[in-house]
Amino acid sequence: MPITMPEGDGYRTCDMCGGDAPPEHFDGTGQLRLAFVCPEHGVQSIVSPFEEYHPPHGGA
């Protein structure tokens, strides 16, 4: 199964300090997602590496 990630590295850069936000497992939807969390400023983005395999929002 291919993994899809955003192009570039901006999704893991803290908007406030410019530091790298390391990935952490995020489980809030029942689907695998990765949260990129700045140690100082919290969550910067949430990425779903299998987005193309998830059903559309509101669908089954």
N, C-alpha and C. Protein backbone atom coordinates (compact mmCIF):
# COMPACT_ATOMS: atom_id res chain seq x y z
N MET A 1 0.85 -1.17 0.00
CA MET A 1 0.00 0.00 0.00
C MET A 1 0.90 1.24 0.00
N PRO A 2 0.76 2.10 -0.98
CA PRO A 2 1.59 3.31 -1.02
C PRO A 2 1.19 4.31 0.07
N ILE A 3 2.18 5.05 0.55
CA ILE A 3 1.95 6.08 1.55
C ILE A 3 2.02 7.43 0.88
N THR A 4 1.03 8.29 1.11
CA THR A 4 0.98 9.62 0.51
C THR A 4 1.26 10.66 1.57
N MET A 5 2.28 11.48 1.33
CA MET A 5 2.62 12.56 2.25
C MET A 5 2.61 13.87 1.45
N PRO A 6 2.38 14.98 2.12
CA PRO A 6 2.39 16.27 1.43
C PRO A 6 3.76 16.54 0.79
N GLU A 7 3.75 17.33 -0.27
CA GLU A 7 5.01 17.73 -0.90
C GLU A 7 5.68 18.78 -0.04
N GLY A 8 6.99 18.74 0.03
CA GLY A 8 7.74 19.70 0.83
C GLY A 8 7.70 19.33 2.30
N ASP A 9 8.39 20.12 3.12
CA ASP A 9 8.47 19.84 4.55
C ASP A 9 7.76 20.88 5.40
N GLY A 10 7.03 21.80 4.80
CA GLY A 10 6.36 22.85 5.54
C GLY A 10 5.36 22.36 6.56
N TYR A 11 4.77 21.19 6.33
CA TYR A 11 3.78 20.65 7.24
C TYR A 11 4.37 20.29 8.60
N ARG A 12 5.69 20.14 8.67
CA ARG A 12 6.30 19.76 9.94
C ARG A 12 7.15 20.86 10.55
N THR A 13 6.99 22.09 10.06
CA THR A 13 7.72 23.24 10.58
C THR A 13 6.80 24.09 11.45
N CYS A 14 7.26 24.45 12.64
CA CYS A 14 6.47 25.28 13.54
C CYS A 14 6.33 26.68 12.96
N ASP A 15 5.10 27.18 12.87
CA ASP A 15 4.84 28.52 12.36
C ASP A 15 5.38 29.61 13.28
N MET A 16 5.49 29.31 14.56
CA MET A 16 5.90 30.33 15.53
C MET A 16 7.41 30.45 15.67
N CYS A 17 8.12 29.30 15.74
CA CYS A 17 9.56 29.37 15.98
C CYS A 17 10.40 28.87 14.81
N GLY A 18 9.76 28.25 13.81
CA GLY A 18 10.49 27.73 12.65
C GLY A 18 11.20 26.42 12.92
N GLY A 19 11.02 25.86 14.12
CA GLY A 19 11.67 24.60 14.47
C GLY A 19 10.97 23.40 13.85
N ASP A 20 11.67 22.26 13.85
CA ASP A 20 11.11 21.02 13.34
C ASP A 20 10.12 20.46 14.35
N ALA A 21 8.96 20.05 13.88
CA ALA A 21 7.94 19.45 14.74
C ALA A 21 7.94 17.94 14.48
N PRO A 22 8.52 17.15 15.38
CA PRO A 22 8.59 15.70 15.15
C PRO A 22 7.21 15.04 15.11
N PRO A 23 7.09 13.92 14.36
CA PRO A 23 5.80 13.25 14.25
C PRO A 23 5.43 12.46 15.50
N GLU A 24 4.13 12.41 15.77
CA GLU A 24 3.56 11.59 16.84
C GLU A 24 2.29 10.96 16.30
N HIS A 25 1.96 9.77 16.78
CA HIS A 25 0.71 9.11 16.40
C HIS A 25 -0.46 9.93 16.90
N PHE A 26 -1.47 10.13 16.08
CA PHE A 26 -2.66 10.88 16.45
C PHE A 26 -3.86 9.98 16.22
N ASP A 27 -4.65 9.73 17.26
CA ASP A 27 -5.81 8.86 17.14
C ASP A 27 -7.04 9.60 17.65
N GLY A 28 -7.74 10.25 16.74
CA GLY A 28 -8.94 10.95 17.14
C GLY A 28 -10.08 10.67 16.19
N THR A 29 -9.80 9.87 15.16
CA THR A 29 -10.80 9.65 14.13
C THR A 29 -11.02 8.18 13.81
N GLY A 30 -10.27 7.29 14.45
CA GLY A 30 -10.36 5.88 14.12
C GLY A 30 -9.54 5.53 12.89
N GLN A 31 -8.82 6.50 12.32
CA GLN A 31 -7.96 6.28 11.16
C GLN A 31 -6.56 6.73 11.54
N LEU A 32 -5.54 6.08 10.96
CA LEU A 32 -4.16 6.44 11.24
C LEU A 32 -3.87 7.85 10.74
N ARG A 33 -3.38 8.69 11.62
CA ARG A 33 -2.95 10.03 11.26
C ARG A 33 -1.69 10.33 12.06
N LEU A 34 -0.87 11.22 11.54
CA LEU A 34 0.33 11.66 12.22
C LEU A 34 0.20 13.14 12.55
N ALA A 35 0.48 13.48 13.78
CA ALA A 35 0.49 14.89 14.19
C ALA A 35 1.94 15.32 14.30
N PHE A 36 2.26 16.49 13.77
CA PHE A 36 3.60 17.05 13.89
C PHE A 36 3.53 18.10 14.99
N VAL A 37 4.24 17.83 16.09
CA VAL A 37 4.08 18.59 17.32
C VAL A 37 5.38 19.30 17.70
N CYS A 38 5.34 20.64 17.76
CA CYS A 38 6.47 21.42 18.24
C CYS A 38 6.52 21.26 19.75
N PRO A 39 7.68 20.92 20.32
CA PRO A 39 7.77 20.76 21.77
C PRO A 39 7.38 22.02 22.54
N GLU A 40 7.56 23.18 21.91
CA GLU A 40 7.26 24.45 22.59
C GLU A 40 5.85 24.97 22.31
N HIS A 41 5.35 24.77 21.08
CA HIS A 41 4.11 25.42 20.65
C HIS A 41 2.97 24.47 20.29
N GLY A 42 3.16 23.17 20.47
CA GLY A 42 2.07 22.21 20.24
C GLY A 42 1.91 21.78 18.79
N VAL A 43 0.74 21.22 18.48
CA VAL A 43 0.46 20.64 17.17
C VAL A 43 0.56 21.69 16.07
N GLN A 44 1.28 21.34 15.01
CA GLN A 44 1.43 22.23 13.86
C GLN A 44 0.60 21.75 12.67
N SER A 45 0.49 20.44 12.50
CA SER A 45 -0.34 19.89 11.43
C SER A 45 -0.66 18.44 11.73
N ILE A 46 -1.69 17.95 11.06
CA ILE A 46 -2.08 16.55 11.16
C ILE A 46 -2.16 16.02 9.74
N VAL A 47 -1.46 14.92 9.49
CA VAL A 47 -1.35 14.35 8.15
C VAL A 47 -1.93 12.94 8.16
N SER A 48 -2.66 12.61 7.11
CA SER A 48 -3.18 11.26 6.93
C SER A 48 -2.44 10.63 5.76
N PRO A 49 -1.46 9.74 6.04
CA PRO A 49 -0.68 9.15 4.96
C PRO A 49 -1.47 8.22 4.06
N PHE A 50 -2.67 7.82 4.47
CA PHE A 50 -3.51 6.93 3.66
C PHE A 50 -4.80 7.63 3.24
N GLU A 51 -4.77 8.93 3.08
CA GLU A 51 -5.96 9.74 2.78
C GLU A 51 -6.74 9.21 1.58
N GLU A 52 -6.06 8.77 0.55
CA GLU A 52 -6.76 8.31 -0.66
C GLU A 52 -7.56 7.04 -0.43
N TYR A 53 -7.29 6.32 0.68
CA TYR A 53 -8.01 5.09 0.98
C TYR A 53 -9.17 5.29 1.95
N HIS A 54 -9.31 6.49 2.51
CA HIS A 54 -10.39 6.77 3.46
C HIS A 54 -11.65 7.09 2.68
N PRO A 55 -12.81 6.74 3.23
CA PRO A 55 -14.06 7.14 2.58
C PRO A 55 -14.20 8.65 2.64
N PRO A 56 -14.92 9.25 1.69
CA PRO A 56 -15.13 10.71 1.70
C PRO A 56 -15.82 11.13 2.99
N HIS A 57 -15.58 12.36 3.42
CA HIS A 57 -16.23 12.89 4.62
C HIS A 57 -17.73 12.84 4.43
N GLY A 58 -18.41 12.34 5.44
CA GLY A 58 -19.86 12.22 5.38
C GLY A 58 -20.33 10.96 4.67
N GLY A 59 -19.40 10.22 4.07
CA GLY A 59 -19.76 9.00 3.36
C GLY A 59 -19.43 7.77 4.17
N ALA A 60 -19.80 6.64 3.65
CA ALA A 60 -19.51 5.37 4.35
C ALA A 60 -18.46 4.60 3.62
